[in-house]
N, C-alpha and C. Protein backbone atom coordinates (compact mmCIF):
# COMPACT_ATOMS: atom_id res chain seq x y z
N UNK A 1 37.71 -7.16 -16.49
CA UNK A 1 37.87 -6.98 -17.91
C UNK A 1 36.80 -5.99 -18.37
N UNK A 2 37.23 -4.94 -19.01
CA UNK A 2 36.32 -3.91 -19.51
C UNK A 2 36.15 -4.11 -21.00
N UNK A 3 34.90 -4.18 -21.41
CA UNK A 3 34.60 -4.37 -22.82
C UNK A 3 34.27 -3.02 -23.41
N UNK A 4 34.87 -2.71 -24.51
CA UNK A 4 34.59 -1.44 -25.18
C UNK A 4 33.19 -1.48 -25.76
N UNK A 5 32.59 -0.31 -25.87
CA UNK A 5 31.24 -0.22 -26.44
C UNK A 5 31.31 -0.61 -27.91
N UNK A 6 30.73 -1.75 -28.22
CA UNK A 6 30.79 -2.25 -29.59
C UNK A 6 29.51 -2.00 -30.34
N UNK A 7 28.66 -1.18 -29.77
CA UNK A 7 27.40 -0.88 -30.45
C UNK A 7 26.31 -1.89 -30.15
N UNK A 8 26.50 -2.74 -29.12
CA UNK A 8 25.48 -3.72 -28.79
C UNK A 8 24.20 -3.03 -28.33
N UNK A 9 24.34 -1.92 -27.62
CA UNK A 9 23.16 -1.21 -27.17
C UNK A 9 22.43 -0.54 -28.33
N UNK A 10 23.16 -0.27 -29.39
CA UNK A 10 22.52 0.34 -30.56
C UNK A 10 21.63 -0.67 -31.27
N UNK A 11 21.86 -1.97 -31.01
CA UNK A 11 21.08 -3.02 -31.66
C UNK A 11 19.87 -3.45 -30.82
N UNK A 12 19.44 -2.62 -29.89
CA UNK A 12 18.29 -2.96 -29.06
C UNK A 12 17.06 -3.15 -29.94
N UNK A 13 16.37 -4.21 -29.69
CA UNK A 13 15.14 -4.48 -30.43
C UNK A 13 13.95 -4.02 -29.59
N UNK A 14 12.98 -3.43 -30.23
CA UNK A 14 11.77 -3.05 -29.48
C UNK A 14 11.02 -4.30 -29.03
N UNK A 15 10.06 -4.09 -28.14
CA UNK A 15 9.24 -5.21 -27.70
C UNK A 15 8.50 -5.82 -28.88
N UNK A 16 8.36 -7.12 -28.85
CA UNK A 16 7.56 -7.78 -29.87
C UNK A 16 6.11 -7.36 -29.71
N UNK A 17 5.34 -7.49 -30.77
CA UNK A 17 3.93 -7.08 -30.73
C UNK A 17 3.19 -7.82 -29.62
N UNK A 18 3.46 -9.10 -29.46
CA UNK A 18 2.79 -9.88 -28.42
C UNK A 18 3.16 -9.37 -27.03
N UNK A 19 4.44 -9.03 -26.82
CA UNK A 19 4.87 -8.49 -25.53
C UNK A 19 4.21 -7.15 -25.24
N UNK A 20 4.08 -6.32 -26.26
CA UNK A 20 3.42 -5.02 -26.09
C UNK A 20 1.96 -5.21 -25.70
N UNK A 21 1.28 -6.12 -26.38
CA UNK A 21 -0.13 -6.36 -26.09
C UNK A 21 -0.30 -6.90 -24.67
N UNK A 22 0.55 -7.83 -24.29
CA UNK A 22 0.46 -8.40 -22.93
C UNK A 22 0.71 -7.32 -21.89
N UNK A 23 1.71 -6.48 -22.10
CA UNK A 23 2.01 -5.42 -21.13
C UNK A 23 0.85 -4.44 -21.02
N UNK A 24 0.27 -4.05 -22.14
CA UNK A 24 -0.84 -3.10 -22.12
C UNK A 24 -2.08 -3.73 -21.48
N UNK A 25 -2.37 -4.99 -21.82
CA UNK A 25 -3.53 -5.67 -21.25
C UNK A 25 -3.36 -5.82 -19.73
N UNK A 26 -2.18 -6.19 -19.29
CA UNK A 26 -1.93 -6.33 -17.85
C UNK A 26 -2.06 -4.98 -17.15
N UNK A 27 -1.62 -3.92 -17.79
CA UNK A 27 -1.76 -2.59 -17.20
C UNK A 27 -3.23 -2.20 -17.05
N UNK A 28 -4.02 -2.48 -18.08
CA UNK A 28 -5.45 -2.18 -18.02
C UNK A 28 -6.13 -3.02 -16.94
N UNK A 29 -5.79 -4.30 -16.87
CA UNK A 29 -6.36 -5.17 -15.85
C UNK A 29 -5.98 -4.67 -14.45
N UNK A 30 -4.75 -4.20 -14.29
CA UNK A 30 -4.32 -3.69 -12.99
C UNK A 30 -5.12 -2.45 -12.60
N UNK A 31 -5.35 -1.55 -13.55
CA UNK A 31 -6.12 -0.34 -13.25
C UNK A 31 -7.56 -0.70 -12.88
N UNK A 32 -8.17 -1.60 -13.63
CA UNK A 32 -9.54 -2.02 -13.34
C UNK A 32 -9.60 -2.70 -11.96
N UNK A 33 -8.62 -3.54 -11.67
CA UNK A 33 -8.59 -4.22 -10.37
C UNK A 33 -8.43 -3.22 -9.23
N UNK A 34 -7.60 -2.21 -9.41
CA UNK A 34 -7.41 -1.19 -8.37
C UNK A 34 -8.70 -0.43 -8.14
N UNK A 35 -9.36 -0.01 -9.22
CA UNK A 35 -10.62 0.72 -9.07
C UNK A 35 -11.67 -0.15 -8.37
N UNK A 36 -11.71 -1.41 -8.69
CA UNK A 36 -12.67 -2.31 -8.06
C UNK A 36 -12.35 -2.50 -6.58
N UNK A 37 -11.08 -2.63 -6.25
CA UNK A 37 -10.69 -2.77 -4.84
C UNK A 37 -11.00 -1.50 -4.05
N UNK A 38 -10.81 -0.34 -4.66
CA UNK A 38 -11.16 0.91 -3.99
C UNK A 38 -12.67 1.01 -3.82
N UNK A 39 -13.42 0.61 -4.84
CA UNK A 39 -14.88 0.67 -4.77
C UNK A 39 -15.41 -0.23 -3.66
N UNK A 40 -14.80 -1.40 -3.49
CA UNK A 40 -15.22 -2.34 -2.44
C UNK A 40 -14.60 -2.01 -1.08
N UNK A 41 -13.82 -0.94 -1.03
CA UNK A 41 -13.14 -0.49 0.19
C UNK A 41 -12.16 -1.53 0.73
N UNK A 42 -11.54 -2.26 -0.18
CA UNK A 42 -10.48 -3.20 0.20
C UNK A 42 -9.11 -2.54 0.08
N UNK A 43 -9.04 -1.46 -0.69
CA UNK A 43 -7.80 -0.71 -0.90
C UNK A 43 -8.13 0.76 -0.68
N UNK A 44 -7.31 1.42 0.11
CA UNK A 44 -7.56 2.83 0.38
C UNK A 44 -7.09 3.68 -0.79
N UNK A 45 -7.73 4.84 -0.97
CA UNK A 45 -7.40 5.72 -2.09
C UNK A 45 -5.95 6.19 -2.04
N UNK A 46 -5.43 6.35 -0.83
CA UNK A 46 -4.06 6.85 -0.71
C UNK A 46 -3.03 5.89 -1.31
N UNK A 47 -3.36 4.60 -1.38
CA UNK A 47 -2.44 3.63 -2.00
C UNK A 47 -2.78 3.39 -3.47
N UNK A 48 -3.98 3.69 -3.86
CA UNK A 48 -4.40 3.38 -5.23
C UNK A 48 -3.64 4.18 -6.27
N UNK A 49 -3.28 5.42 -5.95
CA UNK A 49 -2.57 6.24 -6.94
C UNK A 49 -1.26 5.59 -7.36
N UNK A 50 -0.59 4.94 -6.42
CA UNK A 50 0.69 4.30 -6.74
C UNK A 50 0.49 3.19 -7.78
N UNK A 51 -0.53 2.37 -7.58
CA UNK A 51 -0.77 1.26 -8.50
C UNK A 51 -1.26 1.74 -9.86
N UNK A 52 -2.12 2.76 -9.85
CA UNK A 52 -2.60 3.30 -11.13
C UNK A 52 -1.44 3.95 -11.88
N UNK A 53 -0.60 4.70 -11.20
CA UNK A 53 0.56 5.33 -11.85
C UNK A 53 1.52 4.29 -12.41
N UNK A 54 1.73 3.21 -11.67
CA UNK A 54 2.60 2.13 -12.15
C UNK A 54 2.03 1.49 -13.40
N UNK A 55 0.75 1.20 -13.39
CA UNK A 55 0.12 0.58 -14.57
C UNK A 55 0.16 1.51 -15.77
N UNK A 56 -0.08 2.80 -15.55
CA UNK A 56 -0.02 3.75 -16.65
C UNK A 56 1.39 3.90 -17.20
N UNK A 57 2.38 3.84 -16.32
CA UNK A 57 3.78 3.92 -16.77
C UNK A 57 4.14 2.70 -17.61
N UNK A 58 3.72 1.52 -17.18
CA UNK A 58 3.99 0.31 -17.96
C UNK A 58 3.30 0.40 -19.31
N UNK A 59 2.06 0.85 -19.33
CA UNK A 59 1.34 0.98 -20.60
C UNK A 59 2.02 2.01 -21.51
N UNK A 60 2.48 3.11 -20.92
CA UNK A 60 3.17 4.14 -21.72
C UNK A 60 4.46 3.60 -22.31
N UNK A 61 5.23 2.88 -21.52
CA UNK A 61 6.48 2.32 -22.03
C UNK A 61 6.24 1.25 -23.08
N UNK A 62 5.20 0.46 -22.90
CA UNK A 62 4.89 -0.56 -23.91
C UNK A 62 4.38 0.07 -25.19
N UNK A 63 3.63 1.15 -25.07
CA UNK A 63 3.06 1.81 -26.25
C UNK A 63 4.13 2.61 -27.00
N UNK A 64 4.96 3.35 -26.28
CA UNK A 64 5.98 4.22 -26.89
C UNK A 64 7.31 3.48 -26.93
N UNK A 65 7.56 2.84 -28.02
CA UNK A 65 8.80 2.06 -28.16
C UNK A 65 10.04 2.94 -28.11
N UNK A 66 9.96 4.15 -28.65
CA UNK A 66 11.12 5.04 -28.63
C UNK A 66 11.51 5.41 -27.20
N UNK A 67 10.52 5.67 -26.37
CA UNK A 67 10.78 6.01 -24.98
C UNK A 67 11.39 4.81 -24.25
N UNK A 68 10.87 3.64 -24.50
CA UNK A 68 11.40 2.42 -23.86
C UNK A 68 12.83 2.15 -24.31
N UNK A 69 13.10 2.30 -25.60
CA UNK A 69 14.46 2.06 -26.10
C UNK A 69 15.43 3.10 -25.57
N UNK A 70 15.00 4.35 -25.48
CA UNK A 70 15.85 5.40 -24.92
C UNK A 70 16.17 5.10 -23.47
N UNK A 71 15.18 4.70 -22.72
CA UNK A 71 15.38 4.35 -21.32
C UNK A 71 16.30 3.13 -21.21
N UNK A 72 16.14 2.17 -22.10
CA UNK A 72 17.01 0.98 -22.10
C UNK A 72 18.46 1.36 -22.36
N UNK A 73 18.67 2.26 -23.29
CA UNK A 73 20.04 2.72 -23.57
C UNK A 73 20.60 3.48 -22.38
N UNK A 74 19.75 4.29 -21.76
CA UNK A 74 20.19 5.12 -20.64
C UNK A 74 20.65 4.28 -19.46
N UNK A 75 19.92 3.18 -19.16
CA UNK A 75 20.32 2.34 -18.02
C UNK A 75 21.29 1.23 -18.43
N UNK A 76 21.50 1.07 -19.73
CA UNK A 76 22.45 0.07 -20.19
C UNK A 76 21.88 -1.33 -20.27
N UNK A 77 20.60 -1.43 -20.52
CA UNK A 77 19.95 -2.72 -20.60
C UNK A 77 20.24 -3.39 -21.93
N UNK A 78 20.29 -4.72 -21.92
CA UNK A 78 20.56 -5.45 -23.16
C UNK A 78 19.32 -5.64 -24.01
N UNK A 79 18.13 -5.58 -23.40
CA UNK A 79 16.90 -5.62 -24.19
C UNK A 79 15.80 -4.85 -23.47
N UNK A 80 14.77 -4.52 -24.19
CA UNK A 80 13.73 -3.65 -23.65
C UNK A 80 12.85 -4.36 -22.61
N UNK A 81 12.68 -5.67 -22.72
CA UNK A 81 11.90 -6.39 -21.71
C UNK A 81 12.60 -6.34 -20.35
N UNK A 82 13.92 -6.40 -20.35
CA UNK A 82 14.68 -6.28 -19.10
C UNK A 82 14.48 -4.91 -18.47
N UNK A 83 14.31 -3.90 -19.29
CA UNK A 83 14.07 -2.55 -18.78
C UNK A 83 12.74 -2.50 -18.03
N UNK A 84 11.71 -3.13 -18.58
CA UNK A 84 10.42 -3.17 -17.88
C UNK A 84 10.55 -3.90 -16.55
N UNK A 85 11.26 -5.02 -16.52
CA UNK A 85 11.45 -5.76 -15.27
C UNK A 85 12.27 -4.96 -14.26
N UNK A 86 13.28 -4.26 -14.75
CA UNK A 86 14.10 -3.42 -13.87
C UNK A 86 13.25 -2.31 -13.26
N UNK A 87 12.40 -1.70 -14.07
CA UNK A 87 11.51 -0.66 -13.57
C UNK A 87 10.54 -1.20 -12.53
N UNK A 88 10.00 -2.40 -12.79
CA UNK A 88 9.10 -3.02 -11.82
C UNK A 88 9.83 -3.31 -10.51
N UNK A 89 11.07 -3.74 -10.60
CA UNK A 89 11.86 -4.01 -9.40
C UNK A 89 12.09 -2.73 -8.61
N UNK A 90 12.39 -1.63 -9.28
CA UNK A 90 12.58 -0.36 -8.59
C UNK A 90 11.29 0.11 -7.92
N UNK A 91 10.17 -0.04 -8.60
CA UNK A 91 8.89 0.37 -8.02
C UNK A 91 8.53 -0.49 -6.80
N UNK A 92 8.79 -1.79 -6.88
CA UNK A 92 8.52 -2.65 -5.73
C UNK A 92 9.45 -2.31 -4.55
N UNK A 93 10.67 -1.96 -4.86
CA UNK A 93 11.60 -1.53 -3.80
C UNK A 93 11.07 -0.27 -3.12
N UNK A 94 10.60 0.69 -3.90
CA UNK A 94 10.04 1.92 -3.33
C UNK A 94 8.82 1.62 -2.47
N UNK A 95 7.98 0.69 -2.93
CA UNK A 95 6.78 0.33 -2.18
C UNK A 95 7.14 -0.35 -0.86
N UNK A 96 8.10 -1.25 -0.87
CA UNK A 96 8.53 -1.92 0.35
C UNK A 96 9.14 -0.91 1.33
N UNK A 97 9.89 0.03 0.81
CA UNK A 97 10.48 1.06 1.67
C UNK A 97 9.39 1.92 2.30
N UNK A 98 8.38 2.31 1.52
CA UNK A 98 7.28 3.11 2.04
C UNK A 98 6.53 2.34 3.14
N UNK A 99 6.25 1.06 2.91
CA UNK A 99 5.54 0.28 3.92
C UNK A 99 6.39 0.05 5.16
N UNK A 100 7.70 -0.05 5.01
CA UNK A 100 8.57 -0.19 6.17
C UNK A 100 8.53 1.06 7.03
N UNK A 101 8.51 2.23 6.40
CA UNK A 101 8.42 3.48 7.14
C UNK A 101 7.08 3.55 7.87
N UNK A 102 6.00 3.20 7.19
CA UNK A 102 4.68 3.23 7.82
C UNK A 102 4.59 2.22 8.97
N UNK A 103 5.15 1.04 8.79
CA UNK A 103 5.14 0.02 9.84
C UNK A 103 5.93 0.50 11.05
N UNK A 104 7.05 1.15 10.84
CA UNK A 104 7.83 1.69 11.95
C UNK A 104 7.02 2.74 12.71
N UNK A 105 6.35 3.61 11.97
CA UNK A 105 5.53 4.65 12.60
C UNK A 105 4.38 4.02 13.40
N UNK A 106 3.72 3.02 12.82
CA UNK A 106 2.62 2.36 13.52
C UNK A 106 3.08 1.59 14.75
N UNK A 107 4.26 1.00 14.69
CA UNK A 107 4.82 0.30 15.84
C UNK A 107 5.06 1.28 16.99
N UNK A 108 5.58 2.44 16.66
CA UNK A 108 5.82 3.46 17.68
C UNK A 108 4.50 3.93 18.28
N UNK A 109 3.48 4.16 17.44
CA UNK A 109 2.17 4.57 17.93
C UNK A 109 1.55 3.50 18.83
N UNK A 110 1.68 2.24 18.42
CA UNK A 110 1.13 1.12 19.19
C UNK A 110 1.75 1.09 20.59
N UNK A 111 3.04 1.24 20.65
CA UNK A 111 3.73 1.22 21.94
C UNK A 111 3.29 2.40 22.80
N UNK A 112 3.19 3.59 22.20
CA UNK A 112 2.77 4.78 22.93
C UNK A 112 1.34 4.62 23.45
N UNK A 113 0.44 4.11 22.61
CA UNK A 113 -0.94 3.90 23.05
C UNK A 113 -1.03 2.87 24.17
N UNK A 114 -0.23 1.83 24.11
CA UNK A 114 -0.21 0.83 25.19
C UNK A 114 0.26 1.45 26.50
N UNK A 115 1.26 2.31 26.43
CA UNK A 115 1.75 2.96 27.64
C UNK A 115 0.69 3.91 28.20
N UNK A 116 0.04 4.67 27.33
CA UNK A 116 -1.01 5.58 27.78
C UNK A 116 -2.18 4.81 28.40
N UNK A 117 -2.55 3.69 27.80
CA UNK A 117 -3.63 2.88 28.34
C UNK A 117 -3.26 2.36 29.73
N UNK A 118 -2.04 1.93 29.91
CA UNK A 118 -1.61 1.44 31.22
C UNK A 118 -1.67 2.56 32.25
N UNK A 119 -1.26 3.78 31.88
CA UNK A 119 -1.33 4.90 32.81
C UNK A 119 -2.78 5.24 33.16
N UNK A 120 -3.67 5.21 32.17
CA UNK A 120 -5.08 5.49 32.43
C UNK A 120 -5.71 4.42 33.32
N UNK A 121 -5.38 3.16 33.11
CA UNK A 121 -5.91 2.10 33.97
C UNK A 121 -5.42 2.26 35.40
N UNK A 122 -4.18 2.64 35.55
CA UNK A 122 -3.64 2.86 36.90
C UNK A 122 -4.35 4.03 37.56
N UNK A 123 -4.63 5.08 36.82
CA UNK A 123 -5.34 6.23 37.36
C UNK A 123 -6.77 5.86 37.77
N UNK A 124 -7.46 5.07 36.96
CA UNK A 124 -8.82 4.64 37.28
C UNK A 124 -8.81 3.80 38.56
N UNK A 125 -7.87 2.89 38.69
CA UNK A 125 -7.77 2.07 39.91
C UNK A 125 -7.50 2.94 41.13
N UNK A 126 -6.63 3.92 40.98
CA UNK A 126 -6.31 4.82 42.10
C UNK A 126 -7.54 5.61 42.51
N UNK A 127 -8.32 6.10 41.54
CA UNK A 127 -9.53 6.87 41.84
C UNK A 127 -10.61 5.99 42.46
N UNK A 128 -10.72 4.75 42.02
CA UNK A 128 -11.71 3.83 42.60
C UNK A 128 -11.39 3.52 44.06
N UNK A 129 -10.11 3.43 44.38
CA UNK A 129 -9.72 3.15 45.75
C UNK A 129 -10.02 4.34 46.67
N UNK A 130 -9.99 5.55 46.14
CA UNK A 130 -10.27 6.75 46.93
C UNK A 130 -11.75 6.89 47.24
N UNK A 131 -12.63 6.51 46.33
CA UNK A 131 -14.07 6.68 46.50
C UNK A 131 -14.61 5.70 47.53
N UNK A 132 -15.56 6.19 48.38
CA UNK A 132 -16.19 5.24 49.30
C UNK A 132 -17.11 4.31 48.52
N UNK A 133 -17.29 3.14 49.04
CA UNK A 133 -18.15 2.16 48.37
C UNK A 133 -19.58 2.67 48.40
N UNK A 134 -20.25 2.68 47.27
CA UNK A 134 -21.63 3.14 47.18
C UNK A 134 -22.56 1.99 47.52
N UNK A 135 -23.63 2.29 48.28
CA UNK A 135 -24.58 1.21 48.57
C UNK A 135 -25.30 0.80 47.30
N UNK A 136 -25.63 -0.45 47.22
CA UNK A 136 -26.32 -0.96 46.04
C UNK A 136 -27.72 -0.37 45.99
N UNK A 137 -28.19 -0.03 44.81
CA UNK A 137 -29.53 0.54 44.64
C UNK A 137 -30.55 -0.53 44.94
N UNK A 138 -31.63 -0.16 45.64
CA UNK A 138 -32.65 -1.18 45.94
C UNK A 138 -33.30 -1.68 44.67
N UNK A 139 -33.56 -2.93 44.63
CA UNK A 139 -34.17 -3.54 43.45
C UNK A 139 -35.62 -3.13 43.36
N UNK A 140 -36.07 -2.80 42.17
CA UNK A 140 -37.47 -2.44 41.98
C UNK A 140 -38.28 -3.71 41.76
N UNK A 141 -39.50 -3.69 42.27
CA UNK A 141 -40.35 -4.86 41.98
C UNK A 141 -40.58 -4.97 40.48
N UNK A 142 -40.84 -6.16 40.02
CA UNK A 142 -41.00 -6.41 38.59
C UNK A 142 -42.15 -5.61 38.00
N UNK A 143 -43.24 -5.42 38.78
CA UNK A 143 -44.40 -4.68 38.26
C UNK A 143 -44.04 -3.22 38.01
N UNK A 144 -43.31 -2.59 38.93
CA UNK A 144 -42.93 -1.20 38.77
C UNK A 144 -41.95 -1.05 37.59
N UNK A 145 -41.04 -1.99 37.44
CA UNK A 145 -40.08 -1.92 36.34
C UNK A 145 -40.81 -2.04 35.00
N UNK A 146 -41.84 -2.92 34.94
CA UNK A 146 -42.60 -3.06 33.69
C UNK A 146 -43.37 -1.79 33.37
N UNK A 147 -44.00 -1.19 34.40
CA UNK A 147 -44.76 0.03 34.20
C UNK A 147 -43.84 1.18 33.78
N UNK A 148 -42.64 1.21 34.33
CA UNK A 148 -41.71 2.27 34.04
C UNK A 148 -41.22 2.20 32.59
N UNK A 149 -41.03 1.00 32.09
CA UNK A 149 -40.56 0.80 30.72
C UNK A 149 -41.64 1.18 29.73
N UNK A 150 -42.88 0.83 30.01
CA UNK A 150 -43.99 1.10 29.09
C UNK A 150 -44.23 2.56 29.08
């Protein structure tokens, strides 16, 4: 059943003042948390830009009601809060996809490094078998070892 456009999207209400304040405060808290995590070296700079950009985008959409309402109309959302949630879902999807690509790359590197290590260990064993056994170095008396260290 297809419903004709009855102007429901034209009746979109902007975010309530409380919702705007919460969105902006959460965005600021996210930026501060990201900077603190980078400062403590718990989060690498290469990932921090994504979180800062996301927080700034949320703050921009919460601050600019016209932009949020236009975006809501463009995607066909029934209210502006759903638009923010939809945007968050898209950003999380992009983040999961990025981490899946990185995990695949790291898995391949891990396997390659394991194979190289096995080849190197085999080479070391082969070279050790070729070398004649070296006689053990004579032990130095304790007095000479003490004098040598001093």
